[in-house]
Amino acid sequence: MFRISNRLVQAHEASSPREHLEEDHVRAGRDGETSFVQRIRKHVSDRDIFSDLRVPDEFQTRKHEIDVVVLTAHGVYCIEVKNWSGELERGQDGSWIQKRLSANGKGRNGTVDYVIQHHDVVAELKVRTNLLRNHMLRAGCGLKQAYFHSRVVLLNPHLHVEDGITSDPEVIMYDKCDEFIASFQQTYLGMITDAISPALITGQLSYAQIDQVRNVLKTIGTWDVVDLYGGKRLIGDFKSCKQVTVNRKETELLEFSHQRNGYVSTMWALLGYTPQVSVTLYDRGGAGWIWHSSSGVINMPYNAEIVFRICGEEADAKIPANDIDRITLSI
């Protein structure tokens, strides 16, 4: 009798997991970056757009993220995307100070809700851009510093920014975004001119240089992503799972399938079964128009643990398989 009761409790837990909801400001930032990349795709080929690249430092002990990298004939554009709200000003020490306001535009008791002090975003992006150039040099791809461009894009039209920041030529305000994105598109006349004019004359990257840069950028990894039930997304590094052995070069997505119907779960429990989760391993680069090729399906207990190091944390998290919708693996 105890075993039946135990299985019924497990069936209830498996079919009614806790929802993990995303915080509004995190979702806004992610959605802003996604929307920005989609706008770039109207002017630039997918193969020349790279998101969330993690560039190693000089001694390759740490990795630094660049939101978006766009490869054009004019060079490599490293872009930091911010969908901040409130007010933004420059502090006396050069930092960027963001004042978050309440929904009605005023904070409690006529003051701002709270203040966030950020490092100088442009200066930090320039450091990461230089790290990218150094990484390319180590990979045998030598480009002049002049071909690397840093841009900070402020997407939110409701963000009030002081002149000391907006006057920086490397800061793109929301009303200049369309013009900035359109500048990536090469005209047909430009394509013809580039085909017949040597790169030394035009000052642009040659086709051979572009191919070389593209090949290096493709080898730079991004974050692994865990999508949880309820919409929350975790960014970091997938470490391990006892039930699944993953080869990153061959697998890019782990899709978790669950039995969320309480009546069906109860029936299986009465028949002697404990809850399981089915994990489908999808091949890297195997997505087609109709289907995505897979290398197999693995069944595991609903409470099996996935070890994942969340970005910024010092210890590994152990996430129950029942709480996960999918895991996207970087290179």
C-alpha atoms as a PDB file:
ATOM      1  CA  MET A   1       0.000   0.000   0.000  1.00  0.00           C
ATOM      2  CA  PHE A   2       2.871   2.338   0.829  1.00  0.00           C
ATOM      3  CA  ARG A   3       4.403   1.810  -2.630  1.00  0.00           C
ATOM      4  CA  ILE A   4       1.129   2.751  -4.344  1.00  0.00           C
ATOM      5  CA  SER A   5       0.808   5.849  -2.187  1.00  0.00           C
ATOM      6  CA  ASN A   6       4.400   6.803  -2.937  1.00  0.00           C
ATOM      7  CA  ARG A   7       3.876   6.442  -6.694  1.00  0.00           C
ATOM      8  CA  LEU A   8       0.691   8.531  -6.521  1.00  0.00           C
ATOM      9  CA  VAL A   9       2.550  11.334  -4.759  1.00  0.00           C
ATOM     10  CA  GLN A  10       5.317  11.205  -7.358  1.00  0.00           C
ATOM     11  CA  ALA A  11       2.752  11.221 -10.174  1.00  0.00           C
ATOM     12  CA  HIS A  12       1.155  14.349  -8.722  1.00  0.00           C
ATOM     13  CA  GLU A  13       4.531  16.086  -8.378  1.00  0.00           C
ATOM     14  CA  ALA A  14       5.542  15.168 -11.924  1.00  0.00           C
ATOM     15  CA  SER A  15       2.271  16.339 -13.507  1.00  0.00           C
ATOM     16  CA  SER A  16       2.054  19.588 -11.484  1.00  0.00           C
ATOM     17  CA  PRO A  17       5.538  21.114 -11.363  1.00  0.00           C
ATOM     18  CA  ARG A  18       6.221  24.548  -9.943  1.00  0.00           C
ATOM     19  CA  GLU A  19       6.242  27.300 -12.545  1.00  0.00           C
ATOM     20  CA  HIS A  20       9.498  29.202 -12.882  1.00  0.00           C
ATOM     21  CA  LEU A  21       8.567  32.720 -14.012  1.00  0.00           C
ATOM     22  CA  GLU A  22      11.012  35.136 -15.585  1.00  0.00           C
ATOM     23  CA  GLU A  23      11.556  38.536 -13.981  1.00  0.00           C
ATOM     24  CA  ASP A  24      10.116  41.374 -16.062  1.00  0.00           C
ATOM     25  CA  HIS A  25      13.369  43.310 -16.498  1.00  0.00           C
ATOM     26  CA  VAL A  26      15.255  40.139 -17.518  1.00  0.00           C
ATOM     27  CA  ARG A  27      12.594  39.255 -20.078  1.00  0.00           C
ATOM     28  CA  ALA A  28      12.583  42.830 -21.419  1.00  0.00           C
ATOM     29  CA  GLY A  29      16.350  42.759 -21.918  1.00  0.00           C
ATOM     30  CA  ARG A  30      16.269  39.389 -23.661  1.00  0.00           C
ATOM     31  CA  ASP A  31      13.332  40.336 -25.869  1.00  0.00           C
ATOM     32  CA  GLY A  32      15.026  43.603 -26.803  1.00  0.00           C
ATOM     33  CA  GLU A  33      18.178  41.838 -27.947  1.00  0.00           C
ATOM     34  CA  THR A  34      16.187  39.226 -29.884  1.00  0.00           C
ATOM     35  CA  SER A  35      14.144  41.924 -31.627  1.00  0.00           C
ATOM     36  CA  PHE A  36      17.310  43.866 -32.487  1.00  0.00           C
ATOM     37  CA  VAL A  37      18.937  40.811 -34.091  1.00  0.00           C
ATOM     38  CA  GLN A  38      15.771  40.138 -36.094  1.00  0.00           C
ATOM     39  CA  ARG A  39      15.942  43.664 -37.482  1.00  0.00           C
ATOM     40  CA  ILE A  40      19.572  43.151 -38.497  1.00  0.00           C
ATOM     41  CA  ARG A  41      18.605  39.959 -40.361  1.00  0.00           C
ATOM     42  CA  LYS A  42      16.645  42.087 -42.837  1.00  0.00           C
ATOM     43  CA  HIS A  43      19.947  43.559 -44.037  1.00  0.00           C
ATOM     44  CA  VAL A  44      22.631  40.989 -43.204  1.00  0.00           C
ATOM     45  CA  SER A  45      22.926  37.269 -43.872  1.00  0.00           C
ATOM     46  CA  ASP A  46      22.467  34.970 -40.874  1.00  0.00           C
ATOM     47  CA  ARG A  47      25.958  33.578 -41.374  1.00  0.00           C
ATOM     48  CA  ASP A  48      27.419  37.026 -40.592  1.00  0.00           C
ATOM     49  CA  ILE A  49      25.461  37.616 -37.362  1.00  0.00           C
ATOM     50  CA  PHE A  50      26.738  36.096 -34.120  1.00  0.00           C
ATOM     51  CA  SER A  51      24.955  36.388 -30.773  1.00  0.00           C
ATOM     52  CA  ASP A  52      26.237  36.059 -27.197  1.00  0.00           C
ATOM     53  CA  LEU A  53      29.816  35.201 -28.103  1.00  0.00           C
ATOM     54  CA  ARG A  54      32.062  34.336 -25.132  1.00  0.00           C
ATOM     55  CA  VAL A  55      35.525  35.611 -25.945  1.00  0.00           C
ATOM     56  CA  PRO A  56      38.482  34.327 -23.868  1.00  0.00           C
ATOM     57  CA  ASP A  57      40.861  36.805 -22.274  1.00  0.00           C
ATOM     58  CA  GLU A  58      44.598  37.011 -22.896  1.00  0.00           C
ATOM     59  CA  PHE A  59      45.467  34.043 -20.683  1.00  0.00           C
ATOM     60  CA  GLN A  60      42.204  32.210 -21.511  1.00  0.00           C
ATOM     61  CA  THR A  61      41.232  31.996 -17.829  1.00  0.00           C
ATOM     62  CA  ARG A  62      37.941  33.869 -18.204  1.00  0.00           C
ATOM     63  CA  LYS A  63      35.439  34.525 -20.960  1.00  0.00           C
ATOM     64  CA  HIS A  64      33.725  37.819 -21.707  1.00  0.00           C
ATOM     65  CA  GLU A  65      30.400  38.107 -23.490  1.00  0.00           C
ATOM     66  CA  ILE A  66      29.590  40.268 -26.508  1.00  0.00           C
ATOM     67  CA  ASP A  67      25.857  40.560 -27.182  1.00  0.00           C
ATOM     68  CA  VAL A  68      25.979  40.784 -30.986  1.00  0.00           C
ATOM     69  CA  VAL A  69      28.792  40.651 -33.528  1.00  0.00           C
ATOM     70  CA  VAL A  70      28.065  41.664 -37.119  1.00  0.00           C
ATOM     71  CA  LEU A  71      30.562  40.979 -39.902  1.00  0.00           C
ATOM     72  CA  THR A  72      30.516  43.362 -42.868  1.00  0.00           C
ATOM     73  CA  ALA A  73      32.913  44.500 -45.577  1.00  0.00           C
ATOM     74  CA  HIS A  74      33.636  47.551 -43.392  1.00  0.00           C
ATOM     75  CA  GLY A  75      34.779  45.412 -40.483  1.00  0.00           C
ATOM     76  CA  VAL A  76      33.639  43.637 -37.342  1.00  0.00           C
ATOM     77  CA  TYR A  77      30.961  45.411 -35.298  1.00  0.00           C
ATOM     78  CA  CYS A  78      30.772  44.446 -31.615  1.00  0.00           C
ATOM     79  CA  ILE A  79      27.449  45.578 -30.205  1.00  0.00           C
ATOM     80  CA  GLU A  80      26.140  45.826 -26.649  1.00  0.00           C
ATOM     81  CA  VAL A  81      22.339  45.978 -26.549  1.00  0.00           C
ATOM     82  CA  LYS A  82      20.552  47.638 -23.633  1.00  0.00           C
ATOM     83  CA  ASN A  83      16.787  47.830 -23.204  1.00  0.00           C
ATOM     84  CA  TRP A  84      16.986  49.899 -20.032  1.00  0.00           C
ATOM     85  CA  SER A  85      14.252  52.171 -18.735  1.00  0.00           C
ATOM     86  CA  GLY A  86      14.232  55.197 -16.426  1.00  0.00           C
ATOM     87  CA  GLU A  87      16.992  57.801 -16.532  1.00  0.00           C
ATOM     88  CA  LEU A  88      20.658  57.424 -17.437  1.00  0.00           C
ATOM     89  CA  GLU A  89      23.462  59.808 -16.576  1.00  0.00           C
ATOM     90  CA  ARG A  90      27.236  59.744 -16.267  1.00  0.00           C
ATOM     91  CA  GLY A  91      28.746  59.798 -12.786  1.00  0.00           C
ATOM     92  CA  GLN A  92      31.765  61.847 -11.756  1.00  0.00           C
ATOM     93  CA  ASP A  93      33.927  58.729 -11.914  1.00  0.00           C
ATOM     94  CA  GLY A  94      32.792  57.963 -15.483  1.00  0.00           C
ATOM     95  CA  SER A  95      30.307  55.267 -14.480  1.00  0.00           C
ATOM     96  CA  TRP A  96      26.800  55.113 -15.914  1.00  0.00           C
ATOM     97  CA  ILE A  97      24.073  55.706 -13.337  1.00  0.00           C
ATOM     98  CA  GLN A  98      20.618  54.330 -14.099  1.00  0.00           C
ATOM     99  CA  LYS A  99      17.655  55.609 -12.101  1.00  0.00           C
ATOM    100  CA  ARG A 100      14.722  53.245 -12.268  1.00  0.00           C
ATOM    101  CA  LEU A 101      11.290  54.849 -12.015  1.00  0.00           C
ATOM    102  CA  SER A 102       7.866  53.495 -11.113  1.00  0.00           C
ATOM    103  CA  ALA A 103       5.177  52.941 -13.766  1.00  0.00           C
ATOM    104  CA  ASN A 104       3.787  56.495 -13.455  1.00  0.00           C
ATOM    105  CA  GLY A 105       7.222  58.004 -14.081  1.00  0.00           C
ATOM    106  CA  LYS A 106       7.838  58.916 -10.466  1.00  0.00           C
ATOM    107  CA  GLY A 107       9.282  56.915  -7.645  1.00  0.00           C
ATOM    108  CA  ARG A 108       7.770  56.460  -4.235  1.00  0.00           C
ATOM    109  CA  ASN A 109       7.321  59.785  -2.399  1.00  0.00           C
ATOM    110  CA  GLY A 110       8.348  61.694  -5.512  1.00  0.00           C
ATOM    111  CA  THR A 111      11.772  60.062  -5.788  1.00  0.00           C
ATOM    112  CA  VAL A 112      13.238  57.359  -7.996  1.00  0.00           C
ATOM    113  CA  ASP A 113      12.568  53.771  -6.974  1.00  0.00           C
ATOM    114  CA  TYR A 114      16.253  52.798  -6.894  1.00  0.00           C
ATOM    115  CA  VAL A 115      19.603  53.556  -8.471  1.00  0.00           C
ATOM    116  CA  ILE A 116      21.906  51.141 -10.330  1.00  0.00           C
ATOM    117  CA  GLN A 117      25.529  52.049 -10.945  1.00  0.00           C
ATOM    118  CA  HIS A 118      27.048  50.467 -14.038  1.00  0.00           C
ATOM    119  CA  HIS A 119      30.626  50.574 -15.261  1.00  0.00           C
ATOM    120  CA  ASP A 120      31.199  52.728 -18.353  1.00  0.00           C
ATOM    121  CA  VAL A 121      29.484  50.452 -20.894  1.00  0.00           C
ATOM    122  CA  VAL A 122      31.353  51.869 -23.890  1.00  0.00           C
ATOM    123  CA  ALA A 123      34.755  51.471 -22.213  1.00  0.00           C
ATOM    124  CA  GLU A 124      33.953  47.885 -21.173  1.00  0.00           C
ATOM    125  CA  LEU A 125      32.784  47.005 -24.672  1.00  0.00           C
ATOM    126  CA  LYS A 126      36.008  48.374 -26.144  1.00  0.00           C
ATOM    127  CA  VAL A 127      37.966  46.046 -23.846  1.00  0.00           C
ATOM    128  CA  ARG A 128      35.917  43.042 -25.002  1.00  0.00           C
ATOM    129  CA  THR A 129      36.272  44.131 -28.632  1.00  0.00           C
ATOM    130  CA  ASN A 130      40.049  44.192 -28.219  1.00  0.00           C
ATOM    131  CA  LEU A 131      39.904  40.726 -26.633  1.00  0.00           C
ATOM    132  CA  LEU A 132      38.070  39.515 -29.735  1.00  0.00           C
ATOM    133  CA  ARG A 133      40.756  40.977 -31.985  1.00  0.00           C
ATOM    134  CA  ASN A 134      43.497  39.330 -29.898  1.00  0.00           C
ATOM    135  CA  HIS A 135      41.647  36.012 -30.053  1.00  0.00           C
ATOM    136  CA  MET A 136      41.560  36.287 -33.835  1.00  0.00           C
ATOM    137  CA  LEU A 137      45.270  37.037 -33.918  1.00  0.00           C
ATOM    138  CA  ARG A 138      45.948  33.854 -31.934  1.00  0.00           C
ATOM    139  CA  ALA A 139      43.779  31.992 -34.450  1.00  0.00           C
ATOM    140  CA  GLY A 140      45.912  33.282 -37.325  1.00  0.00           C
ATOM    141  CA  CYS A 141      43.470  35.982 -38.480  1.00  0.00           C
ATOM    142  CA  GLY A 142      45.277  39.330 -38.409  1.00  0.00           C
ATOM    143  CA  LEU A 143      43.140  42.424 -38.938  1.00  0.00           C
ATOM    144  CA  LYS A 144      44.032  46.037 -38.241  1.00  0.00           C
ATOM    145  CA  GLN A 145      42.472  47.650 -35.174  1.00  0.00           C
ATOM    146  CA  ALA A 146      40.612  50.037 -37.497  1.00  0.00           C
ATOM    147  CA  TYR A 147      38.401  47.174 -38.698  1.00  0.00           C
ATOM    148  CA  PHE A 148      36.933  46.630 -35.223  1.00  0.00           C
ATOM    149  CA  HIS A 149      34.052  48.847 -34.139  1.00  0.00           C
ATOM    150  CA  SER A 150      32.311  49.081 -30.760  1.00  0.00           C
ATOM    151  CA  ARG A 151      28.715  50.285 -30.496  1.00  0.00           C
ATOM    152  CA  VAL A 152      26.325  50.481 -27.528  1.00  0.00           C
ATOM    153  CA  VAL A 153      22.669  50.472 -28.598  1.00  0.00           C
ATOM    154  CA  LEU A 154      20.024  51.925 -26.262  1.00  0.00           C
ATOM    155  CA  LEU A 155      16.713  50.518 -27.501  1.00  0.00           C
ATOM    156  CA  ASN A 156      14.091  51.909 -25.140  1.00  0.00           C
ATOM    157  CA  PRO A 157      12.452  55.157 -26.346  1.00  0.00           C
ATOM    158  CA  HIS A 158      11.362  55.862 -22.750  1.00  0.00           C
ATOM    159  CA  LEU A 159      14.930  55.954 -21.441  1.00  0.00           C
ATOM    160  CA  HIS A 160      15.970  59.534 -20.693  1.00  0.00           C
ATOM    161  CA  VAL A 161      19.705  59.891 -21.371  1.00  0.00           C
ATOM    162  CA  GLU A 162      21.869  62.882 -20.526  1.00  0.00           C
ATOM    163  CA  ASP A 163      23.802  64.649 -23.273  1.00  0.00           C
ATOM    164  CA  GLY A 164      27.161  63.482 -21.939  1.00  0.00           C
ATOM    165  CA  ILE A 165      26.257  59.941 -23.027  1.00  0.00           C
ATOM    166  CA  THR A 166      24.201  60.629 -26.156  1.00  0.00           C
ATOM    167  CA  SER A 167      27.019  62.739 -27.618  1.00  0.00           C
ATOM    168  CA  ASP A 168      29.346  59.725 -27.631  1.00  0.00           C
ATOM    169  CA  PRO A 169      29.605  58.587 -31.293  1.00  0.00           C
ATOM    170  CA  GLU A 170      29.755  54.967 -30.145  1.00  0.00           C
ATOM    171  CA  VAL A 171      26.345  55.214 -28.466  1.00  0.00           C
ATOM    172  CA  ILE A 172      23.356  54.553 -30.741  1.00  0.00           C
ATOM    173  CA  MET A 173      20.072  55.967 -29.441  1.00  0.00           C
ATOM    174  CA  TYR A 174      16.727  54.324 -30.253  1.00  0.00           C
ATOM    175  CA  ASP A 175      15.834  56.955 -32.892  1.00  0.00           C
ATOM    176  CA  LYS A 176      19.075  56.199 -34.771  1.00  0.00           C
ATOM    177  CA  CYS A 177      18.760  52.397 -34.654  1.00  0.00           C
ATOM    178  CA  ASP A 178      17.132  51.986 -38.061  1.00  0.00           C
ATOM    179  CA  GLU A 179      19.790  54.128 -39.713  1.00  0.00           C
ATOM    180  CA  PHE A 180      22.542  52.203 -37.936  1.00  0.00           C
ATOM    181  CA  ILE A 181      21.121  48.814 -38.931  1.00  0.00           C
ATOM    182  CA  ALA A 182      20.556  49.910 -42.533  1.00  0.00           C
ATOM    183  CA  SER A 183      24.231  50.888 -42.779  1.00  0.00           C
ATOM    184  CA  PHE A 184      25.129  47.185 -42.678  1.00  0.00           C
ATOM    185  CA  GLN A 185      23.387  46.490 -45.980  1.00  0.00           C
ATOM    186  CA  GLN A 186      25.573  46.522 -49.041  1.00  0.00           C
ATOM    187  CA  THR A 187      24.088  47.985 -52.226  1.00  0.00           C
ATOM    188  CA  TYR A 188      24.176  46.150 -55.550  1.00  0.00           C
ATOM    189  CA  LEU A 189      26.516  48.824 -56.905  1.00  0.00           C
ATOM    190  CA  GLY A 190      28.773  48.275 -53.924  1.00  0.00           C
ATOM    191  CA  MET A 191      28.829  44.526 -54.567  1.00  0.00           C
ATOM    192  CA  ILE A 192      29.869  45.102 -58.177  1.00  0.00           C
ATOM    193  CA  THR A 193      32.514  47.651 -57.177  1.00  0.00           C
ATOM    194  CA  ASP A 194      33.953  45.361 -54.502  1.00  0.00           C
ATOM    195  CA  ALA A 195      34.158  42.503 -56.995  1.00  0.00           C
ATOM    196  CA  ILE A 196      36.342  44.453 -59.411  1.00  0.00           C
ATOM    197  CA  SER A 197      38.238  46.768 -57.042  1.00  0.00           C
ATOM    198  CA  PRO A 198      41.138  45.537 -54.912  1.00  0.00           C
ATOM    199  CA  ALA A 199      40.590  45.692 -51.164  1.00  0.00           C
ATOM    200  CA  LEU A 200      43.730  47.847 -50.805  1.00  0.00           C
ATOM    201  CA  ILE A 201      42.016  50.559 -52.845  1.00  0.00           C
ATOM    202  CA  THR A 202      38.536  50.392 -51.303  1.00  0.00           C
ATOM    203  CA  GLY A 203      39.847  50.040 -47.755  1.00  0.00           C
ATOM    204  CA  GLN A 204      37.324  47.283 -47.099  1.00  0.00           C
ATOM    205  CA  LEU A 205      37.828  43.665 -46.170  1.00  0.00           C
ATOM    206  CA  SER A 206      38.460  41.330 -49.071  1.00  0.00           C
ATOM    207  CA  TYR A 207      36.259  38.283 -49.632  1.00  0.00           C
ATOM    208  CA  ALA A 208      39.110  36.078 -48.420  1.00  0.00           C
ATOM    209  CA  GLN A 209      39.453  38.109 -45.213  1.00  0.00           C
ATOM    210  CA  ILE A 210      35.706  37.978 -44.588  1.00  0.00           C
ATOM    211  CA  ASP A 211      35.709  34.194 -44.990  1.00  0.00           C
ATOM    212  CA  GLN A 212      38.644  33.891 -42.610  1.00  0.00           C
ATOM    213  CA  VAL A 213      36.982  36.081 -39.965  1.00  0.00           C
ATOM    214  CA  ARG A 214      33.691  34.238 -40.356  1.00  0.00           C
ATOM    215  CA  ASN A 215      35.374  30.876 -39.810  1.00  0.00           C
ATOM    216  CA  VAL A 216      37.025  32.096 -36.603  1.00  0.00           C
ATOM    217  CA  LEU A 217      33.789  33.612 -35.256  1.00  0.00           C
ATOM    218  CA  LYS A 218      31.978  30.322 -35.867  1.00  0.00           C
ATOM    219  CA  THR A 219      34.369  28.538 -33.508  1.00  0.00           C
ATOM    220  CA  ILE A 220      33.726  30.890 -30.562  1.00  0.00           C
ATOM    221  CA  GLY A 221      31.254  29.386 -28.139  1.00  0.00           C
ATOM    222  CA  THR A 222      28.187  30.958 -26.558  1.00  0.00           C
ATOM    223  CA  TRP A 223      26.271  30.137 -23.392  1.00  0.00           C
ATOM    224  CA  ASP A 224      24.331  26.970 -22.786  1.00  0.00           C
ATOM    225  CA  VAL A 225      20.650  27.741 -22.158  1.00  0.00           C
ATOM    226  CA  VAL A 226      18.152  25.923 -19.930  1.00  0.00           C
ATOM    227  CA  ASP A 227      14.491  26.768 -20.538  1.00  0.00           C
ATOM    228  CA  LEU A 228      12.448  25.964 -17.450  1.00  0.00           C
ATOM    229  CA  TYR A 229       8.751  25.181 -17.150  1.00  0.00           C
ATOM    230  CA  GLY A 230       7.008  28.532 -16.790  1.00  0.00           C
ATOM    231  CA  GLY A 231       9.293  30.554 -19.072  1.00  0.00           C
ATOM    232  CA  LYS A 232      12.381  31.290 -16.969  1.00  0.00           C
ATOM    233  CA  ARG A 233      15.672  30.930 -18.803  1.00  0.00           C
ATOM    234  CA  LEU A 234      19.016  30.056 -17.213  1.00  0.00           C
ATOM    235  CA  ILE A 235      22.283  31.018 -18.910  1.00  0.00           C
ATOM    236  CA  GLY A 236      25.512  29.218 -18.099  1.00  0.00           C
ATOM    237  CA  ASP A 237      27.345  25.940 -18.664  1.00  0.00           C
ATOM    238  CA  PHE A 238      25.805  22.482 -18.822  1.00  0.00           C
ATOM    239  CA  LYS A 239      28.006  20.223 -16.717  1.00  0.00           C
ATOM    240  CA  SER A 240      26.581  16.725 -16.601  1.00  0.00           C
ATOM    241  CA  CYS A 241      23.695  14.336 -16.172  1.00  0.00           C
ATOM    242  CA  LYS A 242      24.198  10.736 -15.052  1.00  0.00           C
ATOM    243  CA  GLN A 243      21.596   9.438 -17.493  1.00  0.00           C
ATOM    244  CA  VAL A 244      22.786  11.376 -20.575  1.00  0.00           C
ATOM    245  CA  THR A 245      26.182  11.489 -22.271  1.00  0.00           C
ATOM    246  CA  VAL A 246      26.372  14.448 -24.648  1.00  0.00           C
ATOM    247  CA  ASN A 247      28.823  15.114 -27.460  1.00  0.00           C
ATOM    248  CA  ARG A 248      28.559  18.861 -28.123  1.00  0.00           C
ATOM    249  CA  LYS A 249      29.986  18.538 -31.605  1.00  0.00           C
ATOM    250  CA  GLU A 250      27.090  16.271 -32.548  1.00  0.00           C
ATOM    251  CA  THR A 251      24.219  17.478 -30.339  1.00  0.00           C
ATOM    252  CA  GLU A 252      22.815  21.002 -30.121  1.00  0.00           C
ATOM    253  CA  LEU A 253      19.472  20.520 -28.350  1.00  0.00           C
ATOM    254  CA  LEU A 254      18.010  18.329 -25.613  1.00  0.00           C
ATOM    255  CA  GLU A 255      14.200  18.381 -25.678  1.00  0.00           C
ATOM    256  CA  PHE A 256      12.450  17.187 -22.509  1.00  0.00           C
ATOM    257  CA  SER A 257       8.980  15.599 -22.841  1.00  0.00           C
ATOM    258  CA  HIS A 258       6.754  15.223 -19.777  1.00  0.00           C
ATOM    259  CA  GLN A 259       3.454  13.686 -18.801  1.00  0.00           C
ATOM    260  CA  ARG A 260       1.546  16.687 -17.464  1.00  0.00           C
ATOM    261  CA  ASN A 261      -1.931  15.109 -17.464  1.00  0.00           C
ATOM    262  CA  GLY A 262      -2.792  14.331 -13.851  1.00  0.00           C
ATOM    263  CA  TYR A 263      -5.376  11.635 -14.674  1.00  0.00           C
ATOM    264  CA  VAL A 264      -3.014   9.779 -17.007  1.00  0.00           C
ATOM    265  CA  SER A 265      -0.178  10.036 -14.475  1.00  0.00           C
ATOM    266  CA  THR A 266      -2.417   8.606 -11.760  1.00  0.00           C
ATOM    267  CA  MET A 267      -3.437   5.708 -13.992  1.00  0.00           C
ATOM    268  CA  TRP A 268       0.200   4.829 -14.728  1.00  0.00           C
ATOM    269  CA  ALA A 269       1.001   5.047 -11.020  1.00  0.00           C
ATOM    270  CA  LEU A 270      -1.784   2.582 -10.165  1.00  0.00           C
ATOM    271  CA  LEU A 271      -0.394   0.232 -12.810  1.00  0.00           C
ATOM    272  CA  GLY A 272       2.975   0.257 -11.063  1.00  0.00           C
ATOM    273  CA  TYR A 273       4.938   2.843 -13.058  1.00  0.00           C
ATOM    274  CA  THR A 274       6.915   5.781 -11.669  1.00  0.00           C
ATOM    275  CA  PRO A 275       7.089   9.091 -13.598  1.00  0.00           C
ATOM    276  CA  GLN A 276       9.634   9.325 -16.393  1.00  0.00           C
ATOM    277  CA  VAL A 277      10.974  12.104 -18.592  1.00  0.00           C
ATOM    278  CA  SER A 278      11.863  11.464 -22.243  1.00  0.00           C
ATOM    279  CA  VAL A 279      14.849  13.405 -23.585  1.00  0.00           C
ATOM    280  CA  THR A 280      15.343  13.695 -27.349  1.00  0.00           C
ATOM    281  CA  LEU A 281      18.876  14.516 -28.544  1.00  0.00           C
ATOM    282  CA  TYR A 282      18.746  16.640 -31.704  1.00  0.00           C
ATOM    283  CA  ASP A 283      21.693  16.735 -34.093  1.00  0.00           C
ATOM    284  CA  ARG A 284      23.756  19.888 -34.471  1.00  0.00           C
ATOM    285  CA  GLY A 285      22.956  21.495 -37.795  1.00  0.00           C
ATOM    286  CA  GLY A 286      20.220  18.920 -38.424  1.00  0.00           C
ATOM    287  CA  ALA A 287      17.270  21.324 -38.586  1.00  0.00           C
ATOM    288  CA  GLY A 288      15.346  21.180 -41.847  1.00  0.00           C
ATOM    289  CA  TRP A 289      12.164  22.715 -43.243  1.00  0.00           C
ATOM    290  CA  ILE A 290       9.951  20.008 -41.787  1.00  0.00           C
ATOM    291  CA  TRP A 291      11.896  18.129 -39.111  1.00  0.00           C
ATOM    292  CA  HIS A 292      15.043  18.166 -37.020  1.00  0.00           C
ATOM    293  CA  SER A 293      17.107  14.998 -37.175  1.00  0.00           C
ATOM    294  CA  SER A 294      17.842  13.341 -33.842  1.00  0.00           C
ATOM    295  CA  SER A 295      20.307  10.756 -32.577  1.00  0.00           C
ATOM    296  CA  GLY A 296      18.061   9.081 -30.031  1.00  0.00           C
ATOM    297  CA  VAL A 297      15.657   9.288 -27.099  1.00  0.00           C
ATOM    298  CA  ILE A 298      16.614   8.613 -23.481  1.00  0.00           C
ATOM    299  CA  ASN A 299      14.206   7.970 -20.612  1.00  0.00           C
ATOM    300  CA  MET A 300      15.139   9.042 -17.110  1.00  0.00           C
ATOM    301  CA  PRO A 301      13.410   9.405 -13.713  1.00  0.00           C
ATOM    302  CA  TYR A 302      11.436  12.629 -13.375  1.00  0.00           C
ATOM    303  CA  ASN A 303      13.618  13.667 -10.424  1.00  0.00           C
ATOM    304  CA  ALA A 304      16.973  13.000 -12.142  1.00  0.00           C
ATOM    305  CA  GLU A 305      19.360  15.919 -11.618  1.00  0.00           C
ATOM    306  CA  ILE A 306      20.982  18.012 -14.321  1.00  0.00           C
ATOM    307  CA  VAL A 307      24.141  19.742 -13.121  1.00  0.00           C
ATOM    308  CA  PHE A 308      24.366  23.286 -14.486  1.00  0.00           C
ATOM    309  CA  ARG A 309      26.626  26.207 -13.576  1.00  0.00           C
ATOM    310  CA  ILE A 310      24.504  29.348 -13.811  1.00  0.00           C
ATOM    311  CA  CYS A 311      26.339  32.424 -15.085  1.00  0.00           C
ATOM    312  CA  GLY A 312      27.718  34.448 -12.177  1.00  0.00           C
ATOM    313  CA  GLU A 313      27.315  31.684  -9.597  1.00  0.00           C
ATOM    314  CA  GLU A 314      30.224  30.040  -7.804  1.00  0.00           C
ATOM    315  CA  ALA A 315      28.566  26.660  -7.253  1.00  0.00           C
ATOM    316  CA  ASP A 316      26.814  24.212  -9.575  1.00  0.00           C
ATOM    317  CA  ALA A 317      23.027  24.065  -9.547  1.00  0.00           C
ATOM    318  CA  LYS A 318      21.216  20.715  -9.596  1.00  0.00           C
ATOM    319  CA  ILE A 319      17.996  21.060 -11.565  1.00  0.00           C
ATOM    320  CA  PRO A 320      15.323  18.335 -11.576  1.00  0.00           C
ATOM    321  CA  ALA A 321      14.619  17.014 -15.064  1.00  0.00           C
ATOM    322  CA  ASN A 322      10.895  17.528 -14.449  1.00  0.00           C
ATOM    323  CA  ASP A 323      11.413  21.313 -14.307  1.00  0.00           C
ATOM    324  CA  ILE A 324      13.187  21.538 -17.679  1.00  0.00           C
ATOM    325  CA  ASP A 325      11.621  22.081 -21.106  1.00  0.00           C
ATOM    326  CA  ARG A 326      14.829  22.078 -23.157  1.00  0.00           C
ATOM    327  CA  ILE A 327      18.591  22.608 -23.018  1.00  0.00           C
ATOM    328  CA  THR A 328      20.390  24.338 -25.892  1.00  0.00           C
ATOM    329  CA  LEU A 329      24.084  23.529 -26.083  1.00  0.00           C
ATOM    330  CA  SER A 330      26.760  25.848 -27.444  1.00  0.00           C
ATOM    331  CA  ILE A 331      29.773  24.648 -29.400  1.00  0.00           C
END
